[in-house]
């Protein structure tokens, strides 16, 4: 079983009910995209 380093929510139910088993760390695979999306200055889609 793959252990997620930083899970945002508990997936125990998905594992039990449908046998969900993540095969990778998407946060690691997409780190550059995540960093760009979190740091770019853009007002599109923001509320307030």
C-alpha atoms as a PDB file:
ATOM      1  CA  UNK A   1       0.000   0.000   0.000  1.00  0.00           C
ATOM      2  CA  UNK A   2       1.305   3.424  -0.963  1.00  0.00           C
ATOM      3  CA  UNK A   3       1.445   5.910   1.901  1.00  0.00           C
ATOM      4  CA  UNK A   4       0.704   9.504   0.969  1.00  0.00           C
ATOM      5  CA  UNK A   5       3.183  11.922   2.507  1.00  0.00           C
ATOM      6  CA  UNK A   6       0.713  14.803   2.806  1.00  0.00           C
ATOM      7  CA  UNK A   7      -2.906  13.800   2.388  1.00  0.00           C
ATOM      8  CA  UNK A   8      -5.486  16.592   2.439  1.00  0.00           C
ATOM      9  CA  UNK A   9      -8.247  14.251   3.559  1.00  0.00           C
ATOM     10  CA  UNK A  10      -8.619  10.739   4.843  1.00  0.00           C
ATOM     11  CA  UNK A  11      -9.073   8.192   2.036  1.00  0.00           C
ATOM     12  CA  UNK A  12      -9.619   5.155   4.276  1.00  0.00           C
ATOM     13  CA  UNK A  13     -13.252   4.863   3.172  1.00  0.00           C
ATOM     14  CA  UNK A  14     -12.288   4.930  -0.518  1.00  0.00           C
ATOM     15  CA  UNK A  15      -9.707   2.226   0.146  1.00  0.00           C
ATOM     16  CA  UNK A  16     -12.277   0.051   1.957  1.00  0.00           C
ATOM     17  CA  UNK A  17     -15.264   0.579  -0.343  1.00  0.00           C
ATOM     18  CA  UNK A  18     -13.714   0.616  -3.828  1.00  0.00           C
ATOM     19  CA  UNK A  19     -10.168  -0.552  -3.185  1.00  0.00           C
ATOM     20  CA  UNK A  20      -8.660   2.816  -4.117  1.00  0.00           C
ATOM     21  CA  UNK A  21      -4.874   2.682  -3.953  1.00  0.00           C
ATOM     22  CA  UNK A  22      -2.882   5.746  -5.077  1.00  0.00           C
ATOM     23  CA  UNK A  23       0.189   4.880  -7.111  1.00  0.00           C
ATOM     24  CA  UNK A  24       2.085   8.152  -6.972  1.00  0.00           C
ATOM     25  CA  UNK A  25       2.606  11.415  -5.153  1.00  0.00           C
ATOM     26  CA  UNK A  26       0.907  13.964  -7.397  1.00  0.00           C
ATOM     27  CA  UNK A  27       2.216  16.781  -5.207  1.00  0.00           C
ATOM     28  CA  UNK A  28       5.772  15.689  -6.065  1.00  0.00           C
ATOM     29  CA  UNK A  29       4.997  15.090  -9.739  1.00  0.00           C
ATOM     30  CA  UNK A  30       3.350  18.486 -10.201  1.00  0.00           C
ATOM     31  CA  UNK A  31       5.384  20.609  -7.782  1.00  0.00           C
ATOM     32  CA  UNK A  32       6.317  23.216 -10.415  1.00  0.00           C
ATOM     33  CA  UNK A  33       2.684  23.674 -11.508  1.00  0.00           C
ATOM     34  CA  UNK A  34       1.475  23.883  -7.909  1.00  0.00           C
ATOM     35  CA  UNK A  35       4.139  26.464  -7.038  1.00  0.00           C
ATOM     36  CA  UNK A  36       3.252  28.561 -10.091  1.00  0.00           C
ATOM     37  CA  UNK A  37      -0.486  28.461  -9.349  1.00  0.00           C
ATOM     38  CA  UNK A  38       0.030  29.419  -5.704  1.00  0.00           C
ATOM     39  CA  UNK A  39       2.431  32.279  -6.376  1.00  0.00           C
ATOM     40  CA  UNK A  40       1.297  33.892  -9.624  1.00  0.00           C
ATOM     41  CA  UNK A  41      -0.488  37.201  -9.318  1.00  0.00           C
ATOM     42  CA  UNK A  42      -3.814  36.957 -11.038  1.00  0.00           C
ATOM     43  CA  UNK A  43      -7.190  38.334 -10.002  1.00  0.00           C
ATOM     44  CA  UNK A  44      -9.214  36.078 -12.285  1.00  0.00           C
ATOM     45  CA  UNK A  45     -11.550  33.871 -10.286  1.00  0.00           C
ATOM     46  CA  UNK A  46     -10.954  35.514  -6.939  1.00  0.00           C
ATOM     47  CA  UNK A  47     -13.852  36.674  -4.827  1.00  0.00           C
ATOM     48  CA  UNK A  48     -13.913  39.829  -2.770  1.00  0.00           C
END
